[in-house]
Amino acid sequence: MLRLINRKFGQIDRELETEIMSLNIEILESLGEAIFDLDTVADLQQWLDNL
């Protein structure tokens, strides 16, 4: 997942990377689908904040 995120948004900060790595598989699958609707790192952070 981090590879996809970095490809879409460029290198993200370590704190955000750590947060994503701690997600369980079901949430990672949801993020995999949601990434197509996210346009910025801020959108990604907001998506994570709404979990």
N, C-alpha and C. Protein backbone atom coordinates (compact mmCIF):
# COMPACT_ATOMS: atom_id res chain seq x y z
N MET A 1 0.82 -1.19 0.00
CA MET A 1 0.00 0.00 0.00
C MET A 1 0.86 1.26 0.00
N LEU A 2 1.94 1.24 0.78
CA LEU A 2 2.80 2.42 0.82
C LEU A 2 3.39 2.74 -0.55
N ARG A 3 3.68 1.72 -1.30
CA ARG A 3 4.22 1.93 -2.65
C ARG A 3 3.21 2.68 -3.52
N LEU A 4 1.93 2.30 -3.42
CA LEU A 4 0.88 2.98 -4.19
C LEU A 4 0.71 4.42 -3.73
N ILE A 5 0.72 4.62 -2.43
CA ILE A 5 0.57 5.97 -1.88
C ILE A 5 1.73 6.85 -2.31
N ASN A 6 2.95 6.33 -2.21
CA ASN A 6 4.11 7.11 -2.62
C ASN A 6 4.10 7.39 -4.12
N ARG A 7 3.59 6.48 -4.89
CA ARG A 7 3.51 6.71 -6.33
C ARG A 7 2.50 7.80 -6.66
N LYS A 8 1.39 7.82 -5.91
CA LYS A 8 0.35 8.81 -6.18
C LYS A 8 0.70 10.19 -5.63
N PHE A 9 1.24 10.24 -4.41
CA PHE A 9 1.44 11.51 -3.72
C PHE A 9 2.90 11.91 -3.57
N GLY A 10 3.82 11.06 -3.95
CA GLY A 10 5.22 11.32 -3.65
C GLY A 10 5.53 10.82 -2.25
N GLN A 11 6.72 11.05 -1.81
CA GLN A 11 7.13 10.57 -0.49
C GLN A 11 6.30 11.25 0.60
N ILE A 12 5.70 10.43 1.46
CA ILE A 12 4.93 10.96 2.58
C ILE A 12 5.80 10.96 3.83
N ASP A 13 5.39 11.71 4.85
CA ASP A 13 6.23 11.78 6.05
C ASP A 13 6.16 10.48 6.85
N ARG A 14 7.17 10.27 7.66
CA ARG A 14 7.35 9.03 8.42
C ARG A 14 6.16 8.76 9.36
N GLU A 15 5.62 9.80 9.97
CA GLU A 15 4.50 9.62 10.90
C GLU A 15 3.27 9.06 10.18
N LEU A 16 2.97 9.58 9.02
CA LEU A 16 1.84 9.10 8.24
C LEU A 16 2.10 7.67 7.75
N GLU A 17 3.31 7.41 7.34
CA GLU A 17 3.71 6.07 6.90
C GLU A 17 3.50 5.06 8.04
N THR A 18 3.92 5.43 9.23
CA THR A 18 3.77 4.55 10.40
C THR A 18 2.29 4.29 10.70
N GLU A 19 1.49 5.33 10.59
CA GLU A 19 0.04 5.19 10.83
C GLU A 19 -0.57 4.20 9.83
N ILE A 20 -0.19 4.30 8.58
CA ILE A 20 -0.73 3.40 7.56
C ILE A 20 -0.25 1.97 7.79
N MET A 21 1.00 1.80 8.17
CA MET A 21 1.54 0.46 8.41
C MET A 21 0.87 -0.23 9.59
N SER A 22 0.25 0.53 10.48
CA SER A 22 -0.39 -0.07 11.65
C SER A 22 -1.85 -0.48 11.39
N LEU A 23 -2.36 -0.18 10.22
CA LEU A 23 -3.76 -0.50 9.90
C LEU A 23 -3.94 -2.00 9.71
N ASN A 24 -5.13 -2.50 10.06
CA ASN A 24 -5.40 -3.92 9.82
C ASN A 24 -5.77 -4.14 8.35
N ILE A 25 -5.82 -5.37 7.95
CA ILE A 25 -5.99 -5.72 6.54
C ILE A 25 -7.31 -5.20 5.97
N GLU A 26 -8.38 -5.24 6.74
CA GLU A 26 -9.67 -4.77 6.23
C GLU A 26 -9.62 -3.28 5.91
N ILE A 27 -9.00 -2.51 6.77
CA ILE A 27 -8.90 -1.07 6.54
C ILE A 27 -7.95 -0.79 5.38
N LEU A 28 -6.88 -1.56 5.28
CA LEU A 28 -5.97 -1.39 4.14
C LEU A 28 -6.68 -1.67 2.82
N GLU A 29 -7.56 -2.66 2.81
CA GLU A 29 -8.33 -2.95 1.61
C GLU A 29 -9.25 -1.78 1.27
N SER A 30 -9.88 -1.19 2.28
CA SER A 30 -10.74 -0.03 2.06
C SER A 30 -9.93 1.15 1.54
N LEU A 31 -8.74 1.34 2.10
CA LEU A 31 -7.86 2.41 1.64
C LEU A 31 -7.44 2.18 0.20
N GLY A 32 -7.21 0.93 -0.16
CA GLY A 32 -6.85 0.60 -1.53
C GLY A 32 -7.92 1.02 -2.53
N GLU A 33 -9.17 0.94 -2.12
CA GLU A 33 -10.26 1.39 -2.98
C GLU A 33 -10.41 2.90 -2.91
N ALA A 34 -10.26 3.48 -1.73
CA ALA A 34 -10.46 4.91 -1.53
C ALA A 34 -9.37 5.75 -2.19
N ILE A 35 -8.19 5.18 -2.39
CA ILE A 35 -7.06 5.96 -2.91
C ILE A 35 -7.39 6.59 -4.27
N PHE A 36 -8.28 5.97 -5.01
CA PHE A 36 -8.66 6.52 -6.31
C PHE A 36 -9.45 7.82 -6.18
N ASP A 37 -10.07 8.02 -5.03
CA ASP A 37 -10.87 9.23 -4.79
C ASP A 37 -10.10 10.32 -4.05
N LEU A 38 -8.91 10.00 -3.59
CA LEU A 38 -8.11 10.96 -2.83
C LEU A 38 -7.18 11.71 -3.78
N ASP A 39 -7.14 13.03 -3.62
CA ASP A 39 -6.33 13.85 -4.53
C ASP A 39 -5.05 14.38 -3.91
N THR A 40 -5.02 14.50 -2.58
CA THR A 40 -3.86 15.09 -1.92
C THR A 40 -3.53 14.30 -0.67
N VAL A 41 -2.35 14.56 -0.12
CA VAL A 41 -1.97 13.94 1.15
C VAL A 41 -2.94 14.39 2.25
N ALA A 42 -3.42 15.62 2.17
CA ALA A 42 -4.40 16.10 3.15
C ALA A 42 -5.68 15.27 3.07
N ASP A 43 -6.11 14.91 1.87
CA ASP A 43 -7.28 14.05 1.71
C ASP A 43 -7.02 12.68 2.35
N LEU A 44 -5.83 12.16 2.15
CA LEU A 44 -5.44 10.88 2.75
C LEU A 44 -5.49 10.98 4.27
N GLN A 45 -4.93 12.03 4.83
CA GLN A 45 -4.92 12.21 6.28
C GLN A 45 -6.35 12.34 6.81
N GLN A 46 -7.19 13.06 6.10
CA GLN A 46 -8.58 13.21 6.53
C GLN A 46 -9.30 11.85 6.50
N TRP A 47 -9.04 11.06 5.47
CA TRP A 47 -9.64 9.73 5.37
C TRP A 47 -9.23 8.89 6.58
N LEU A 48 -7.95 8.95 6.92
CA LEU A 48 -7.46 8.19 8.07
C LEU A 48 -8.04 8.71 9.37
N ASP A 49 -8.19 10.02 9.49
CA ASP A 49 -8.75 10.61 10.70
C ASP A 49 -10.20 10.22 10.90
N ASN A 50 -10.91 9.88 9.84
CA ASN A 50 -12.32 9.53 9.92
C ASN A 50 -12.56 8.04 10.17
N LEU A 51 -11.51 7.30 10.41
CA LEU A 51 -11.69 5.85 10.69
C LEU A 51 -12.37 5.64 12.01
